[in-house]
Amino acid sequence: MVEDRVTDGKRIGQLLASELSGREDGSLGRVALVDADPDAEPSPDGRLAYRVSVDEDPVARVTLYPEYVTVVVTAGVDSVATRAREKGLDASVEDGRAVVILSDTST
């Protein structure tokens, strides 16, 4: 049977990484994963999986938890939080950073 939803933090992080790094054209062509830890395992306290850069400028970090992922964004903070909420995601602005929680994804 095919799984319709993914709720495992590690798998969500992997799917996000694939979406971010799998494009060579358009706006996502400017995105790169840096400091990636391919052995990162989710932990209750969070484990940094990778950072995200755009045109070599750091813009976010992705942290794995057992049942979700946090994406902490430092560029376009208000816009990111607003767009994430519009898409039904849990997002807030804390200390000048947008914090988006990805707790499940449809496959």
PDB file of N, CA and C in Angstrom:
ATOM      1  N   MET A   1       0.846  -1.187   0.000  1.00  0.00           N
ATOM      2  CA  MET A   1       0.000   0.000   0.000  1.00  0.00           C
ATOM      3  C   MET A   1       0.887   1.245   0.000  1.00  0.00           C
ATOM      4  N   VAL A   2       0.507   2.245  -0.756  1.00  0.00           N
ATOM      5  CA  VAL A   2       1.263   3.482  -0.860  1.00  0.00           C
ATOM      6  C   VAL A   2       0.891   4.398   0.296  1.00  0.00           C
ATOM      7  N   GLU A   3       1.915   4.982   0.897  1.00  0.00           N
ATOM      8  CA  GLU A   3       1.696   5.902   2.001  1.00  0.00           C
ATOM      9  C   GLU A   3       1.317   7.273   1.444  1.00  0.00           C
ATOM     10  N   ASP A   4       0.258   7.875   1.985  1.00  0.00           N
ATOM     11  CA  ASP A   4      -0.200   9.175   1.510  1.00  0.00           C
ATOM     12  C   ASP A   4       0.420  10.342   2.270  1.00  0.00           C
ATOM     13  N   ARG A   5       0.808  10.090   3.513  1.00  0.00           N
ATOM     14  CA  ARG A   5       1.386  11.156   4.341  1.00  0.00           C
ATOM     15  C   ARG A   5       2.677  10.665   4.966  1.00  0.00           C
ATOM     16  N   VAL A   6       3.623  11.565   5.076  1.00  0.00           N
ATOM     17  CA  VAL A   6       4.887  11.276   5.741  1.00  0.00           C
ATOM     18  C   VAL A   6       4.922  12.103   7.008  1.00  0.00           C
ATOM     19  N   THR A   7       5.137  11.441   8.138  1.00  0.00           N
ATOM     20  CA  THR A   7       5.178  12.160   9.419  1.00  0.00           C
ATOM     21  C   THR A   7       6.494  11.929  10.167  1.00  0.00           C
ATOM     22  N   ASP A   8       7.460  11.294   9.517  1.00  0.00           N
ATOM     23  CA  ASP A   8       8.768  11.041  10.110  1.00  0.00           C
ATOM     24  C   ASP A   8       9.690  12.222   9.808  1.00  0.00           C
ATOM     25  N   GLY A   9      10.255  12.818  10.864  1.00  0.00           N
ATOM     26  CA  GLY A   9      11.086  14.005  10.691  1.00  0.00           C
ATOM     27  C   GLY A   9      12.232  13.823   9.719  1.00  0.00           C
ATOM     28  N   LYS A  10      12.906  12.701   9.795  1.00  0.00           N
ATOM     29  CA  LYS A  10      14.031  12.477   8.890  1.00  0.00           C
ATOM     30  C   LYS A  10      13.564  12.437   7.440  1.00  0.00           C
ATOM     31  N   ARG A  11      12.481  11.736   7.179  1.00  0.00           N
ATOM     32  CA  ARG A  11      11.980  11.624   5.799  1.00  0.00           C
ATOM     33  C   ARG A  11      11.489  12.974   5.284  1.00  0.00           C
ATOM     34  N   ILE A  12      10.827  13.748   6.132  1.00  0.00           N
ATOM     35  CA  ILE A  12      10.391  15.095   5.723  1.00  0.00           C
ATOM     36  C   ILE A  12      11.607  15.929   5.339  1.00  0.00           C
ATOM     37  N   GLY A  13      12.663  15.860   6.142  1.00  0.00           N
ATOM     38  CA  GLY A  13      13.893  16.594   5.839  1.00  0.00           C
ATOM     39  C   GLY A  13      14.515  16.154   4.529  1.00  0.00           C
ATOM     40  N   GLN A  14      14.481  14.852   4.264  1.00  0.00           N
ATOM     41  CA  GLN A  14      15.014  14.335   3.001  1.00  0.00           C
ATOM     42  C   GLN A  14      14.202  14.821   1.809  1.00  0.00           C
ATOM     43  N   LEU A  15      12.889  14.780   1.938  1.00  0.00           N
ATOM     44  CA  LEU A  15      12.029  15.240   0.841  1.00  0.00           C
ATOM     45  C   LEU A  15      12.237  16.726   0.572  1.00  0.00           C
ATOM     46  N   LEU A  16      12.357  17.520   1.637  1.00  0.00           N
ATOM     47  CA  LEU A  16      12.603  18.950   1.467  1.00  0.00           C
ATOM     48  C   LEU A  16      13.946  19.174   0.781  1.00  0.00           C
ATOM     49  N   ALA A  17      14.972  18.453   1.211  1.00  0.00           N
ATOM     50  CA  ALA A  17      16.293  18.589   0.596  1.00  0.00           C
ATOM     51  C   ALA A  17      16.233  18.267  -0.892  1.00  0.00           C
ATOM     52  N   SER A  18      15.502  17.227  -1.245  1.00  0.00           N
ATOM     53  CA  SER A  18      15.373  16.852  -2.653  1.00  0.00           C
ATOM     54  C   SER A  18      14.704  17.952  -3.454  1.00  0.00           C
ATOM     55  N   GLU A  19      13.663  18.540  -2.904  1.00  0.00           N
ATOM     56  CA  GLU A  19      12.966  19.625  -3.607  1.00  0.00           C
ATOM     57  C   GLU A  19      13.865  20.850  -3.769  1.00  0.00           C
ATOM     58  N   LEU A  20      14.634  21.168  -2.734  1.00  0.00           N
ATOM     59  CA  LEU A  20      15.478  22.356  -2.781  1.00  0.00           C
ATOM     60  C   LEU A  20      16.684  22.177  -3.691  1.00  0.00           C
ATOM     61  N   SER A  21      17.262  21.001  -3.711  1.00  0.00           N
ATOM     62  CA  SER A  21      18.504  20.801  -4.463  1.00  0.00           C
ATOM     63  C   SER A  21      18.296  20.151  -5.824  1.00  0.00           C
ATOM     64  N   GLY A  22      17.102  19.720  -6.110  1.00  0.00           N
ATOM     65  CA  GLY A  22      16.854  18.981  -7.344  1.00  0.00           C
ATOM     66  C   GLY A  22      16.574  19.830  -8.560  1.00  0.00           C
ATOM     67  N   ARG A  23      16.645  21.122  -8.441  1.00  0.00           N
ATOM     68  CA  ARG A  23      16.325  22.008  -9.572  1.00  0.00           C
ATOM     69  C   ARG A  23      17.576  22.759 -10.001  1.00  0.00           C
ATOM     70  N   GLU A  24      17.771  22.864 -11.287  1.00  0.00           N
ATOM     71  CA  GLU A  24      18.923  23.605 -11.795  1.00  0.00           C
ATOM     72  C   GLU A  24      18.514  24.888 -12.517  1.00  0.00           C
ATOM     73  N   ASP A  25      17.203  25.068 -12.717  1.00  0.00           N
ATOM     74  CA  ASP A  25      16.751  26.273 -13.397  1.00  0.00           C
ATOM     75  C   ASP A  25      15.711  26.975 -12.537  1.00  0.00           C
ATOM     76  N   GLY A  26      15.312  28.159 -12.954  1.00  0.00           N
ATOM     77  CA  GLY A  26      14.333  28.929 -12.195  1.00  0.00           C
ATOM     78  C   GLY A  26      14.910  29.402 -10.872  1.00  0.00           C
ATOM     79  N   SER A  27      14.050  29.890 -10.009  1.00  0.00           N
ATOM     80  CA  SER A  27      14.514  30.452  -8.742  1.00  0.00           C
ATOM     81  C   SER A  27      15.162  29.408  -7.841  1.00  0.00           C
ATOM     82  N   LEU A  28      14.717  28.144  -7.904  1.00  0.00           N
ATOM     83  CA  LEU A  28      15.337  27.113  -7.074  1.00  0.00           C
ATOM     84  C   LEU A  28      16.720  26.714  -7.587  1.00  0.00           C
ATOM     85  N   GLY A  29      17.066  27.103  -8.795  1.00  0.00           N
ATOM     86  CA  GLY A  29      18.404  26.847  -9.312  1.00  0.00           C
ATOM     87  C   GLY A  29      19.468  27.612  -8.558  1.00  0.00           C
ATOM     88  N   ARG A  30      19.075  28.653  -7.855  1.00  0.00           N
ATOM     89  CA  ARG A  30      19.997  29.478  -7.064  1.00  0.00           C
ATOM     90  C   ARG A  30      20.194  28.932  -5.654  1.00  0.00           C
ATOM     91  N   VAL A  31      19.437  27.899  -5.301  1.00  0.00           N
ATOM     92  CA  VAL A  31      19.445  27.350  -3.941  1.00  0.00           C
ATOM     93  C   VAL A  31      20.466  26.225  -3.838  1.00  0.00           C
ATOM     94  N   ALA A  32      21.175  26.189  -2.713  1.00  0.00           N
ATOM     95  CA  ALA A  32      22.128  25.104  -2.456  1.00  0.00           C
ATOM     96  C   ALA A  32      22.001  24.654  -1.006  1.00  0.00           C
ATOM     97  N   LEU A  33      22.263  23.376  -0.784  1.00  0.00           N
ATOM     98  CA  LEU A  33      22.345  22.847   0.569  1.00  0.00           C
ATOM     99  C   LEU A  33      23.810  22.881   0.975  1.00  0.00           C
ATOM    100  N   VAL A  34      24.076  23.368   2.174  1.00  0.00           N
ATOM    101  CA  VAL A  34      25.446  23.429   2.668  1.00  0.00           C
ATOM    102  C   VAL A  34      25.508  22.805   4.055  1.00  0.00           C
ATOM    103  N   ASP A  35      26.695  22.387   4.433  1.00  0.00           N
ATOM    104  CA  ASP A  35      26.909  21.775   5.745  1.00  0.00           C
ATOM    105  C   ASP A  35      25.957  20.609   5.983  1.00  0.00           C
ATOM    106  N   ALA A  36      25.633  19.881   4.932  1.00  0.00           N
ATOM    107  CA  ALA A  36      24.691  18.761   5.070  1.00  0.00           C
ATOM    108  C   ALA A  36      25.331  17.614   5.847  1.00  0.00           C
ATOM    109  N   ASP A  37      24.564  17.063   6.768  1.00  0.00           N
ATOM    110  CA  ASP A  37      24.991  15.901   7.541  1.00  0.00           C
ATOM    111  C   ASP A  37      24.136  14.723   7.103  1.00  0.00           C
ATOM    112  N   PRO A  38      24.649  13.886   6.185  1.00  0.00           N
ATOM    113  CA  PRO A  38      23.839  12.782   5.670  1.00  0.00           C
ATOM    114  C   PRO A  38      23.490  11.742   6.734  1.00  0.00           C
ATOM    115  N   ASP A  39      24.203  11.747   7.839  1.00  0.00           N
ATOM    116  CA  ASP A  39      23.943  10.795   8.924  1.00  0.00           C
ATOM    117  C   ASP A  39      23.074  11.384  10.024  1.00  0.00           C
ATOM    118  N   ALA A  40      22.570  12.596   9.829  1.00  0.00           N
ATOM    119  CA  ALA A  40      21.763  13.242  10.869  1.00  0.00           C
ATOM    120  C   ALA A  40      20.523  12.407  11.171  1.00  0.00           C
ATOM    121  N   GLU A  41      20.303  12.172  12.422  1.00  0.00           N
ATOM    122  CA  GLU A  41      19.123  11.451  12.898  1.00  0.00           C
ATOM    123  C   GLU A  41      18.303  12.401  13.757  1.00  0.00           C
ATOM    124  N   PRO A  42      16.987  12.345  13.661  1.00  0.00           N
ATOM    125  CA  PRO A  42      16.148  13.204  14.495  1.00  0.00           C
ATOM    126  C   PRO A  42      16.411  12.939  15.979  1.00  0.00           C
ATOM    127  N   SER A  43      16.274  13.983  16.777  1.00  0.00           N
ATOM    128  CA  SER A  43      16.372  13.822  18.226  1.00  0.00           C
ATOM    129  C   SER A  43      15.342  14.742  18.880  1.00  0.00           C
ATOM    130  N   PRO A  44      14.934  14.445  20.099  1.00  0.00           N
ATOM    131  CA  PRO A  44      13.954  15.291  20.791  1.00  0.00           C
ATOM    132  C   PRO A  44      14.424  16.736  20.945  1.00  0.00           C
ATOM    133  N   ASP A  45      15.742  16.935  21.014  1.00  0.00           N
ATOM    134  CA  ASP A  45      16.292  18.288  21.141  1.00  0.00           C
ATOM    135  C   ASP A  45      16.581  18.923  19.793  1.00  0.00           C
ATOM    136  N   GLY A  46      16.402  18.170  18.718  1.00  0.00           N
ATOM    137  CA  GLY A  46      16.656  18.659  17.371  1.00  0.00           C
ATOM    138  C   GLY A  46      18.082  18.388  16.944  1.00  0.00           C
ATOM    139  N   ARG A  47      18.247  18.068  15.674  1.00  0.00           N
ATOM    140  CA  ARG A  47      19.571  17.814  15.103  1.00  0.00           C
ATOM    141  C   ARG A  47      19.656  18.537  13.773  1.00  0.00           C
ATOM    142  N   LEU A  48      20.672  19.401  13.640  1.00  0.00           N
ATOM    143  CA  LEU A  48      20.863  20.138  12.398  1.00  0.00           C
ATOM    144  C   LEU A  48      21.143  19.155  11.266  1.00  0.00           C
ATOM    145  N   ALA A  49      20.347  19.232  10.212  1.00  0.00           N
ATOM    146  CA  ALA A  49      20.527  18.353   9.058  1.00  0.00           C
ATOM    147  C   ALA A  49      21.310  19.053   7.952  1.00  0.00           C
ATOM    148  N   TYR A  50      20.962  20.318   7.683  1.00  0.00           N
ATOM    149  CA  TYR A  50      21.649  21.087   6.655  1.00  0.00           C
ATOM    150  C   TYR A  50      21.238  22.550   6.754  1.00  0.00           C
ATOM    151  N   ARG A  51      22.015  23.357   6.082  1.00  0.00           N
ATOM    152  CA  ARG A  51      21.704  24.779   5.935  1.00  0.00           C
ATOM    153  C   ARG A  51      21.351  25.018   4.475  1.00  0.00           C
ATOM    154  N   VAL A  52      20.655  26.107   4.233  1.00  0.00           N
ATOM    155  CA  VAL A  52      20.226  26.456   2.882  1.00  0.00           C
ATOM    156  C   VAL A  52      20.828  27.812   2.535  1.00  0.00           C
ATOM    157  N   SER A  53      21.368  27.915   1.328  1.00  0.00           N
ATOM    158  CA  SER A  53      21.871  29.201   0.864  1.00  0.00           C
ATOM    159  C   SER A  53      21.224  29.533  -0.478  1.00  0.00           C
ATOM    160  N   VAL A  54      21.158  30.825  -0.755  1.00  0.00           N
ATOM    161  CA  VAL A  54      20.689  31.315  -2.049  1.00  0.00           C
ATOM    162  C   VAL A  54      21.778  32.230  -2.577  1.00  0.00           C
ATOM    163  N   ASP A  55      22.275  31.928  -3.758  1.00  0.00           N
ATOM    164  CA  ASP A  55      23.399  32.684  -4.323  1.00  0.00           C
ATOM    165  C   ASP A  55      24.548  32.761  -3.326  1.00  0.00           C
ATOM    166  N   GLU A  56      24.798  31.678  -2.636  1.00  0.00           N
ATOM    167  CA  GLU A  56      25.877  31.529  -1.655  1.00  0.00           C
ATOM    168  C   GLU A  56      25.666  32.321  -0.365  1.00  0.00           C
ATOM    169  N   ASP A  57      24.517  32.959  -0.202  1.00  0.00           N
ATOM    170  CA  ASP A  57      24.201  33.658   1.041  1.00  0.00           C
ATOM    171  C   ASP A  57      23.366  32.736   1.918  1.00  0.00           C
ATOM    172  N   PRO A  58      23.760  32.524   3.173  1.00  0.00           N
ATOM    173  CA  PRO A  58      22.970  31.656   4.058  1.00  0.00           C
ATOM    174  C   PRO A  58      21.602  32.271   4.342  1.00  0.00           C
ATOM    175  N   VAL A  59      20.552  31.456   4.212  1.00  0.00           N
ATOM    176  CA  VAL A  59      19.198  31.972   4.438  1.00  0.00           C
ATOM    177  C   VAL A  59      18.370  31.130   5.399  1.00  0.00           C
ATOM    178  N   ALA A  60      18.784  29.880   5.665  1.00  0.00           N
ATOM    179  CA  ALA A  60      17.953  29.026   6.524  1.00  0.00           C
ATOM    180  C   ALA A  60      18.756  27.850   7.057  1.00  0.00           C
ATOM    181  N   ARG A  61      18.202  27.245   8.102  1.00  0.00           N
ATOM    182  CA  ARG A  61      18.747  25.981   8.594  1.00  0.00           C
ATOM    183  C   ARG A  61      17.579  25.034   8.843  1.00  0.00           C
ATOM    184  N   VAL A  62      17.826  23.764   8.628  1.00  0.00           N
ATOM    185  CA  VAL A  62      16.796  22.734   8.748  1.00  0.00           C
ATOM    186  C   VAL A  62      17.210  21.779   9.862  1.00  0.00           C
ATOM    187  N   THR A  63      16.323  21.621  10.839  1.00  0.00           N
ATOM    188  CA  THR A  63      16.602  20.796  12.007  1.00  0.00           C
ATOM    189  C   THR A  63      15.582  19.674  12.093  1.00  0.00           C
ATOM    190  N   LEU A  64      16.077  18.465  12.365  1.00  0.00           N
ATOM    191  CA  LEU A  64      15.227  17.277  12.437  1.00  0.00           C
ATOM    192  C   LEU A  64      14.802  16.967  13.863  1.00  0.00           C
ATOM    193  N   TYR A  65      13.525  16.673  14.027  1.00  0.00           N
ATOM    194  CA  TYR A  65      12.942  16.172  15.272  1.00  0.00           C
ATOM    195  C   TYR A  65      12.253  14.860  14.915  1.00  0.00           C
ATOM    196  N   PRO A  66      11.928  14.038  15.881  1.00  0.00           N
ATOM    197  CA  PRO A  66      11.338  12.733  15.534  1.00  0.00           C
ATOM    198  C   PRO A  66      10.084  12.808  14.656  1.00  0.00           C
ATOM    199  N   GLU A  67       9.222  13.781  14.889  1.00  0.00           N
ATOM    200  CA  GLU A  67       7.951  13.820  14.164  1.00  0.00           C
ATOM    201  C   GLU A  67       7.747  15.079  13.325  1.00  0.00           C
ATOM    202  N   TYR A  68       8.785  15.889  13.210  1.00  0.00           N
ATOM    203  CA  TYR A  68       8.666  17.107  12.411  1.00  0.00           C
ATOM    204  C   TYR A  68      10.041  17.675  12.103  1.00  0.00           C
ATOM    205  N   VAL A  69      10.057  18.726  11.291  1.00  0.00           N
ATOM    206  CA  VAL A  69      11.259  19.448  10.904  1.00  0.00           C
ATOM    207  C   VAL A  69      10.994  20.926  11.159  1.00  0.00           C
ATOM    208  N   THR A  70      12.000  21.644  11.615  1.00  0.00           N
ATOM    209  CA  THR A  70      11.872  23.101  11.654  1.00  0.00           C
ATOM    210  C   THR A  70      12.782  23.691  10.592  1.00  0.00           C
ATOM    211  N   VAL A  71      12.267  24.712   9.939  1.00  0.00           N
ATOM    212  CA  VAL A  71      13.047  25.488   8.993  1.00  0.00           C
ATOM    213  C   VAL A  71      13.098  26.891   9.567  1.00  0.00           C
ATOM    214  N   VAL A  72      14.288  27.330   9.936  1.00  0.00           N
ATOM    215  CA  VAL A  72      14.469  28.657  10.509  1.00  0.00           C
ATOM    216  C   VAL A  72      15.077  29.527   9.412  1.00  0.00           C
ATOM    217  N   VAL A  73      14.325  30.544   9.001  1.00  0.00           N
ATOM    218  CA  VAL A  73      14.692  31.371   7.860  1.00  0.00           C
ATOM    219  C   VAL A  73      15.092  32.759   8.347  1.00  0.00           C
ATOM    220  N   THR A  74      16.203  33.270   7.798  1.00  0.00           N
ATOM    221  CA  THR A  74      16.711  34.573   8.222  1.00  0.00           C
ATOM    222  C   THR A  74      16.573  35.648   7.153  1.00  0.00           C
ATOM    223  N   ALA A  75      16.033  35.316   6.000  1.00  0.00           N
ATOM    224  CA  ALA A  75      15.848  36.285   4.920  1.00  0.00           C
ATOM    225  C   ALA A  75      14.374  36.333   4.545  1.00  0.00           C
ATOM    226  N   GLY A  76      13.848  37.536   4.335  1.00  0.00           N
ATOM    227  CA  GLY A  76      12.442  37.656   3.958  1.00  0.00           C
ATOM    228  C   GLY A  76      11.517  37.109   5.027  1.00  0.00           C
ATOM    229  N   VAL A  77      11.855  37.343   6.268  1.00  0.00           N
ATOM    230  CA  VAL A  77      11.215  36.710   7.423  1.00  0.00           C
ATOM    231  C   VAL A  77       9.701  36.870   7.442  1.00  0.00           C
ATOM    232  N   ASP A  78       9.219  38.091   7.364  1.00  0.00           N
ATOM    233  CA  ASP A  78       7.770  38.306   7.441  1.00  0.00           C
ATOM    234  C   ASP A  78       7.042  37.671   6.264  1.00  0.00           C
ATOM    235  N   SER A  79       7.622  37.792   5.085  1.00  0.00           N
ATOM    236  CA  SER A  79       7.019  37.199   3.891  1.00  0.00           C
ATOM    237  C   SER A  79       6.975  35.677   4.000  1.00  0.00           C
ATOM    238  N   VAL A  80       8.060  35.086   4.465  1.00  0.00           N
ATOM    239  CA  VAL A  80       8.104  33.624   4.616  1.00  0.00           C
ATOM    240  C   VAL A  80       7.041  33.159   5.599  1.00  0.00           C
ATOM    241  N   ALA A  81       6.963  33.813   6.753  1.00  0.00           N
ATOM    242  CA  ALA A  81       5.982  33.405   7.770  1.00  0.00           C
ATOM    243  C   ALA A  81       4.555  33.563   7.249  1.00  0.00           C
ATOM    244  N   THR A  82       4.290  34.660   6.571  1.00  0.00           N
ATOM    245  CA  THR A  82       2.946  34.894   6.033  1.00  0.00           C
ATOM    246  C   THR A  82       2.586  33.848   4.988  1.00  0.00           C
ATOM    247  N   ARG A  83       3.493  33.595   4.056  1.00  0.00           N
ATOM    248  CA  ARG A  83       3.213  32.609   2.999  1.00  0.00           C
ATOM    249  C   ARG A  83       3.047  31.208   3.573  1.00  0.00           C
ATOM    250  N   ALA A  84       3.860  30.871   4.566  1.00  0.00           N
ATOM    251  CA  ALA A  84       3.748  29.548   5.181  1.00  0.00           C
ATOM    252  C   ALA A  84       2.380  29.390   5.840  1.00  0.00           C
ATOM    253  N   ARG A  85       1.936  30.416   6.573  1.00  0.00           N
ATOM    254  CA  ARG A  85       0.617  30.355   7.215  1.00  0.00           C
ATOM    255  C   ARG A  85      -0.489  30.242   6.181  1.00  0.00           C
ATOM    256  N   GLU A  86      -0.358  30.978   5.063  1.00  0.00           N
ATOM    257  CA  GLU A  86      -1.353  30.893   3.987  1.00  0.00           C
ATOM    258  C   GLU A  86      -1.457  29.475   3.431  1.00  0.00           C
ATOM    259  N   LYS A  87      -0.364  28.738   3.487  1.00  0.00           N
ATOM    260  CA  LYS A  87      -0.342  27.351   3.006  1.00  0.00           C
ATOM    261  C   LYS A  87      -0.740  26.356   4.089  1.00  0.00           C
ATOM    262  N   GLY A  88      -1.143  26.869   5.256  1.00  0.00           N
ATOM    263  CA  GLY A  88      -1.607  26.001   6.328  1.00  0.00           C
ATOM    264  C   GLY A  88      -0.514  25.445   7.219  1.00  0.00           C
ATOM    265  N   LEU A  89       0.682  26.017   7.129  1.00  0.00           N
ATOM    266  CA  LEU A  89       1.787  25.549   7.949  1.00  0.00           C
ATOM    267  C   LEU A  89       1.855  26.334   9.250  1.00  0.00           C
ATOM    268  N   ASP A  90       2.429  25.722  10.256  1.00  0.00           N
ATOM    269  CA  ASP A  90       2.669  26.375  11.541  1.00  0.00           C
ATOM    270  C   ASP A  90       3.912  27.247  11.375  1.00  0.00           C
ATOM    271  N   ALA A  91       3.741  28.560  11.464  1.00  0.00           N
ATOM    272  CA  ALA A  91       4.860  29.474  11.264  1.00  0.00           C
ATOM    273  C   ALA A  91       4.749  30.645  12.220  1.00  0.00           C
ATOM    274  N   SER A  92       5.895  31.110  12.683  1.00  0.00           N
ATOM    275  CA  SER A  92       5.931  32.267  13.570  1.00  0.00           C
ATOM    276  C   SER A  92       7.198  33.062  13.298  1.00  0.00           C
ATOM    277  N   VAL A  93       7.227  34.270  13.830  1.00  0.00           N
ATOM    278  CA  VAL A  93       8.429  35.091  13.764  1.00  0.00           C
ATOM    279  C   VAL A  93       8.955  35.203  15.181  1.00  0.00           C
ATOM    280  N   GLU A  94      10.202  34.774  15.366  1.00  0.00           N
ATOM    281  CA  GLU A  94      10.840  34.784  16.678  1.00  0.00           C
ATOM    282  C   GLU A  94      12.246  35.336  16.535  1.00  0.00           C
ATOM    283  N   ASP A  95      12.559  36.357  17.316  1.00  0.00           N
ATOM    284  CA  ASP A  95      13.914  36.929  17.314  1.00  0.00           C
ATOM    285  C   ASP A  95      14.393  37.283  15.910  1.00  0.00           C
ATOM    286  N   GLY A  96      13.513  37.847  15.088  1.00  0.00           N
ATOM    287  CA  GLY A  96      13.894  38.260  13.744  1.00  0.00           C
ATOM    288  C   GLY A  96      14.090  37.132  12.755  1.00  0.00           C
ATOM    289  N   ARG A  97      13.548  35.951  13.073  1.00  0.00           N
ATOM    290  CA  ARG A  97      13.659  34.799  12.182  1.00  0.00           C
ATOM    291  C   ARG A  97      12.283  34.187  11.999  1.00  0.00           C
ATOM    292  N   ALA A  98      12.021  33.666  10.821  1.00  0.00           N
ATOM    293  CA  ALA A  98      10.784  32.916  10.591  1.00  0.00           C
ATOM    294  C   ALA A  98      11.045  31.470  10.959  1.00  0.00           C
ATOM    295  N   VAL A  99      10.164  30.902  11.774  1.00  0.00           N
ATOM    296  CA  VAL A  99      10.278  29.502  12.166  1.00  0.00           C
ATOM    297  C   VAL A  99       9.064  28.784  11.583  1.00  0.00           C
ATOM    298  N   VAL A 100       9.324  27.859  10.677  1.00  0.00           N
ATOM    299  CA  VAL A 100       8.263  27.092  10.016  1.00  0.00           C
ATOM    300  C   VAL A 100       8.408  25.640  10.442  1.00  0.00           C
ATOM    301  N   ILE A 101       7.293  25.052  10.871  1.00  0.00           N
ATOM    302  CA  ILE A 101       7.307  23.663  11.304  1.00  0.00           C
ATOM    303  C   ILE A 101       6.620  22.823  10.228  1.00  0.00           C
ATOM    304  N   LEU A 102       7.320  21.813   9.767  1.00  0.00           N
ATOM    305  CA  LEU A 102       6.791  20.874   8.783  1.00  0.00           C
ATOM    306  C   LEU A 102       6.560  19.563   9.529  1.00  0.00           C
ATOM    307  N   SER A 103       5.299  19.270   9.797  1.00  0.00           N
ATOM    308  CA  SER A 103       4.994  18.083  10.591  1.00  0.00           C
ATOM    309  C   SER A 103       4.469  16.917   9.764  1.00  0.00           C
ATOM    310  N   ASP A 104       4.095  17.179   8.547  1.00  0.00           N
ATOM    311  CA  ASP A 104       3.724  16.095   7.647  1.00  0.00           C
ATOM    312  C   ASP A 104       3.730  16.634   6.228  1.00  0.00           C
ATOM    313  N   THR A 105       3.757  15.709   5.318  1.00  0.00           N
ATOM    314  CA  THR A 105       3.736  16.079   3.915  1.00  0.00           C
ATOM    315  C   THR A 105       3.003  14.988   3.147  1.00  0.00           C
ATOM    316  N   SER A 106       2.327  15.371   2.129  1.00  0.00           N
ATOM    317  CA  SER A 106       1.657  14.390   1.265  1.00  0.00           C
ATOM    318  C   SER A 106       2.652  13.901   0.234  1.00  0.00           C
ATOM    319  N   THR A 107       2.564  12.628  -0.080  1.00  0.00           N
ATOM    320  CA  THR A 107       3.481  12.077  -1.092  1.00  0.00           C
ATOM    321  C   THR A 107       2.742  11.833  -2.377  1.00  0.00           C
TER     322      THR A 107
END
